[in-house]
C-alpha atoms as a PDB file:
ATOM      1  CA  MET A   1      36.060  46.159  41.758  1.00  0.00           C
ATOM      2  CA  LEU A   2      36.972  44.009  38.367  1.00  0.00           C
ATOM      3  CA  GLY A   3      34.769  44.271  35.281  1.00  0.00           C
ATOM      4  CA  GLN A   4      34.767  42.040  32.444  1.00  0.00           C
ATOM      5  CA  GLU A   5      35.664  41.902  29.209  1.00  0.00           C
ATOM      6  CA  TRP A   6      34.787  39.658  26.484  1.00  0.00           C
ATOM      7  CA  ILE A   7      36.860  39.834  22.970  1.00  0.00           C
ATOM      8  CA  ILE A   8      35.438  37.418  19.561  1.00  0.00           C
ATOM      9  CA  GLU A   9      37.308  36.660  16.584  1.00  0.00           C
ATOM     10  CA  ALA A  10      34.920  34.743  14.440  1.00  0.00           C
ATOM     11  CA  ARG A  11      37.022  32.953  11.061  1.00  0.00           C
ATOM     12  CA  GLY A  12      35.342  30.859   8.588  1.00  0.00           C
ATOM     13  CA  ALA A  13      31.702  33.471   8.611  1.00  0.00           C
ATOM     14  CA  ASP A  14      29.091  33.057   6.612  1.00  0.00           C
ATOM     15  CA  SER A  15      29.726  36.302   4.274  1.00  0.00           C
ATOM     16  CA  ALA A  16      26.849  37.248   3.285  1.00  0.00           C
ATOM     17  CA  ARG A  17      25.166  36.808   6.695  1.00  0.00           C
ATOM     18  CA  LEU A  18      28.133  39.040   7.340  1.00  0.00           C
ATOM     19  CA  ARG A  19      27.194  41.755   5.420  1.00  0.00           C
ATOM     20  CA  ASP A  20      23.172  41.776   7.062  1.00  0.00           C
ATOM     21  CA  HIS A  21      22.804  43.762  10.222  1.00  0.00           C
ATOM     22  CA  THR A  22      19.363  42.134  11.381  1.00  0.00           C
ATOM     23  CA  ALA A  23      21.748  38.760  11.413  1.00  0.00           C
ATOM     24  CA  LEU A  24      24.142  40.402  13.758  1.00  0.00           C
ATOM     25  CA  ALA A  25      21.265  42.012  15.664  1.00  0.00           C
ATOM     26  CA  GLY A  26      19.834  39.076  16.358  1.00  0.00           C
ATOM     27  CA  LEU A  27      23.558  38.317  17.255  1.00  0.00           C
ATOM     28  CA  PHE A  28      22.931  41.062  20.480  1.00  0.00           C
ATOM     29  CA  THR A  29      19.266  39.979  21.430  1.00  0.00           C
ATOM     30  CA  THR A  30      21.022  36.728  21.943  1.00  0.00           C
ATOM     31  CA  LEU A  31      23.884  38.121  24.382  1.00  0.00           C
ATOM     32  CA  VAL A  32      21.558  40.878  25.464  1.00  0.00           C
ATOM     33  CA  ARG A  33      18.662  38.277  26.809  1.00  0.00           C
ATOM     34  CA  GLU A  34      21.248  35.642  27.567  1.00  0.00           C
ATOM     35  CA  MET A  35      24.318  38.043  29.781  1.00  0.00           C
ATOM     36  CA  GLY A  36      20.907  39.281  31.519  1.00  0.00           C
ATOM     37  CA  LEU A  37      22.185  43.207  29.844  1.00  0.00           C
ATOM     38  CA  THR A  38      20.170  46.292  30.222  1.00  0.00           C
ATOM     39  CA  PRO A  39      20.307  47.746  27.267  1.00  0.00           C
ATOM     40  CA  VAL A  40      20.113  51.637  27.395  1.00  0.00           C
ATOM     41  CA  SER A  41      19.282  52.643  23.032  1.00  0.00           C
ATOM     42  CA  ASP A  42      18.854  50.372  20.299  1.00  0.00           C
ATOM     43  CA  ALA A  43      21.714  49.444  18.590  1.00  0.00           C
ATOM     44  CA  ALA A  44      23.578  51.936  16.090  1.00  0.00           C
ATOM     45  CA  TRP A  45      24.658  50.136  12.084  1.00  0.00           C
ATOM     46  CA  HIS A  46      26.487  50.664   9.607  1.00  0.00           C
ATOM     47  CA  GLN A  47      27.020  49.090   6.484  1.00  0.00           C
ATOM     48  CA  PHE A  48      29.967  50.070   3.983  1.00  0.00           C
ATOM     49  CA  PRO A  49      30.091  49.386   1.088  1.00  0.00           C
ATOM     50  CA  GLU A  50      31.453  46.813  -0.982  1.00  0.00           C
ATOM     51  CA  PRO A  51      32.499  44.438   0.459  1.00  0.00           C
ATOM     52  CA  GLY A  52      30.025  45.012   2.951  1.00  0.00           C
ATOM     53  CA  GLY A  53      30.791  44.830   6.101  1.00  0.00           C
ATOM     54  CA  VAL A  54      28.814  46.273   8.744  1.00  0.00           C
ATOM     55  CA  THR A  55      29.806  48.027  12.196  1.00  0.00           C
ATOM     56  CA  GLY A  56      26.962  47.663  15.159  1.00  0.00           C
ATOM     57  CA  VAL A  57      27.065  49.270  18.691  1.00  0.00           C
ATOM     58  CA  GLN A  58      24.643  48.746  21.803  1.00  0.00           C
ATOM     59  CA  MET A  59      25.372  51.448  25.508  1.00  0.00           C
ATOM     60  CA  LEU A  60      24.804  49.333  27.966  1.00  0.00           C
ATOM     61  CA  ALA A  61      24.056  50.040  31.604  1.00  0.00           C
ATOM     62  CA  GLU A  62      26.863  47.383  31.828  1.00  0.00           C
ATOM     63  CA  SER A  63      29.162  49.160  29.267  1.00  0.00           C
ATOM     64  CA  HIS A  64      28.768  47.767  25.398  1.00  0.00           C
ATOM     65  CA  LEU A  65      28.900  45.987  22.643  1.00  0.00           C
ATOM     66  CA  ALA A  66      30.317  46.094  19.807  1.00  0.00           C
ATOM     67  CA  VAL A  67      31.374  44.096  16.423  1.00  0.00           C
ATOM     68  CA  HIS A  68      32.799  44.988  12.997  1.00  0.00           C
ATOM     69  CA  THR A  69      32.529  41.643  10.105  1.00  0.00           C
ATOM     70  CA  PHE A  70      34.902  41.313   7.422  1.00  0.00           C
ATOM     71  CA  PRO A  71      32.809  39.262   4.816  1.00  0.00           C
ATOM     72  CA  GLU A  72      36.227  39.472   2.011  1.00  0.00           C
ATOM     73  CA  PHE A  73      37.638  37.823   4.876  1.00  0.00           C
ATOM     74  CA  GLY A  74      34.506  35.535   6.601  1.00  0.00           C
ATOM     75  CA  SER A  75      35.732  37.355  10.356  1.00  0.00           C
ATOM     76  CA  LEU A  76      34.034  38.667  12.680  1.00  0.00           C
ATOM     77  CA  CYS A  77      34.955  40.685  15.961  1.00  0.00           C
ATOM     78  CA  LEU A  78      32.626  40.854  18.939  1.00  0.00           C
ATOM     79  CA  ASN A  79      34.092  43.093  22.015  1.00  0.00           C
ATOM     80  CA  VAL A  80      30.988  42.697  24.962  1.00  0.00           C
ATOM     81  CA  PHE A  81      32.702  45.010  27.790  1.00  0.00           C
ATOM     82  CA  CYS A  82      30.912  44.283  31.757  1.00  0.00           C
ATOM     83  CA  CYS A  83      31.474  46.964  34.252  1.00  0.00           C
ATOM     84  CA  ARG A  84      31.333  43.631  37.103  1.00  0.00           C
ATOM     85  CA  PRO A  85      31.562  39.695  36.019  1.00  0.00           C
ATOM     86  CA  ARG A  86      28.555  37.669  35.010  1.00  0.00           C
ATOM     87  CA  ALA A  87      28.265  34.286  34.556  1.00  0.00           C
ATOM     88  CA  GLU A  88      29.558  31.990  31.739  1.00  0.00           C
ATOM     89  CA  PHE A  89      27.948  32.320  28.807  1.00  0.00           C
ATOM     90  CA  ASP A  90      28.858  30.028  25.124  1.00  0.00           C
ATOM     91  CA  PHE A  91      29.922  32.765  22.861  1.00  0.00           C
ATOM     92  CA  ALA A  92      31.625  30.863  20.797  1.00  0.00           C
ATOM     93  CA  ALA A  93      27.963  28.599  20.382  1.00  0.00           C
ATOM     94  CA  ALA A  94      26.105  32.099  19.660  1.00  0.00           C
ATOM     95  CA  THR A  95      28.602  33.296  17.367  1.00  0.00           C
ATOM     96  CA  ARG A  96      28.528  30.176  15.392  1.00  0.00           C
ATOM     97  CA  ALA A  97      24.636  30.030  15.127  1.00  0.00           C
ATOM     98  CA  ALA A  98      24.987  34.309  13.936  1.00  0.00           C
ATOM     99  CA  VAL A  99      27.617  34.458  11.609  1.00  0.00           C
ATOM    100  CA  GLY A 100      27.924  29.995  10.352  1.00  0.00           C
ATOM    101  CA  ALA A 101      31.628  31.068  12.076  1.00  0.00           C
ATOM    102  CA  ALA A 102      34.646  27.526  11.450  1.00  0.00           C
ATOM    103  CA  VAL A 103      36.602  28.526  14.627  1.00  0.00           C
ATOM    104  CA  VAL A 104      35.792  31.199  17.014  1.00  0.00           C
ATOM    105  CA  GLN A 105      38.456  32.245  19.901  1.00  0.00           C
ATOM    106  CA  VAL A 106      37.529  33.977  23.021  1.00  0.00           C
ATOM    107  CA  ARG A 107      39.606  35.548  25.243  1.00  0.00           C
ATOM    108  CA  CYS A 108      38.628  37.424  28.922  1.00  0.00           C
ATOM    109  CA  LEU A 109      40.437  40.776  30.484  1.00  0.00           C
ATOM    110  CA  GLU A 110      39.630  41.002  34.051  1.00  0.00           C
ATOM    111  CA  ARG A 111      39.600  45.617  33.862  1.00  0.00           C
ATOM    112  CA  GLY A 112      39.636  46.524  37.302  1.00  0.00           C
ATOM    113  CA  TYR A 113      38.930  49.661  39.211  1.00  0.00           C
ATOM    114  CA  GLY A 114      39.874  52.857  41.434  1.00  0.00           C
ATOM    115  CA  PRO A 115      41.858  52.249  44.427  1.00  0.00           C
ATOM    116  CA  GLU A 116      40.613  48.536  44.661  1.00  0.00           C
ATOM    117  CA  GLY A 117      41.670  47.436  41.908  1.00  0.00           C
ATOM    118  CA  ALA A 118      44.919  49.371  41.301  1.00  0.00           C
ATOM    119  CA  GLN A 119      45.822  47.460  45.380  1.00  0.00           C
ATOM    120  CA  ARG A 120      45.243  44.102  44.537  1.00  0.00           C
ATOM    121  CA  GLY A 121      47.224  45.050  40.732  1.00  0.00           C
ATOM    122  CA  ALA A 122      43.915  45.160  38.511  1.00  0.00           C
ATOM    123  CA  ARG A 123      44.667  48.284  36.011  1.00  0.00           C
ATOM    124  CA  THR A 124      42.468  49.426  32.859  1.00  0.00           C
ATOM    125  CA  THR A 125      45.928  46.908  31.168  1.00  0.00           C
ATOM    126  CA  PRO A 126      44.901  42.718  31.677  1.00  0.00           C
ATOM    127  CA  VAL A 127      45.262  41.049  34.695  1.00  0.00           C
ATOM    128  CA  SER A 128      44.348  37.939  33.213  1.00  0.00           C
ATOM    129  CA  VAL A 129      43.418  36.674  30.286  1.00  0.00           C
ATOM    130  CA  ARG A 130      41.552  33.530  29.259  1.00  0.00           C
ATOM    131  CA  VAL A 131      41.771  31.455  26.251  1.00  0.00           C
ATOM    132  CA  ILE A 132      38.197  29.702  24.886  1.00  0.00           C
ATOM    133  CA  ARG A 133      39.295  27.866  21.741  1.00  0.00           C
ATOM    134  CA  ALA A 134      36.271  26.537  19.825  1.00  0.00           C
ATOM    135  CA  GLU A 135      37.020  24.470  16.214  1.00  0.00           C
END
């Protein structure tokens, strides 16, 4: 069985939105709704002192969502991990809408589990990486 993990990096984002966990919660809501994900708990948020970055995580039946923001650099790192393949999703557009990022890079890694994944050469290390760069 193969899962998918997306690593989304955004730059040139609005520093005020990167400090606002409600803007980031809106991004989580969009991901859950549009990707058909199943939260098993509410998201947990932590606001750091100045410059005020935010870390958030939400457990899913499919695995998890995690985000870390760096308002002092106008950047965001988002991780979406699903234990099974999902339909294509426009992470760049959703991230731009949530935090006003100028540049968004999306990497998709396939993750293999168990003996079937090992037989096909899939491991917990990436078996393939697709880079989708939206500017």
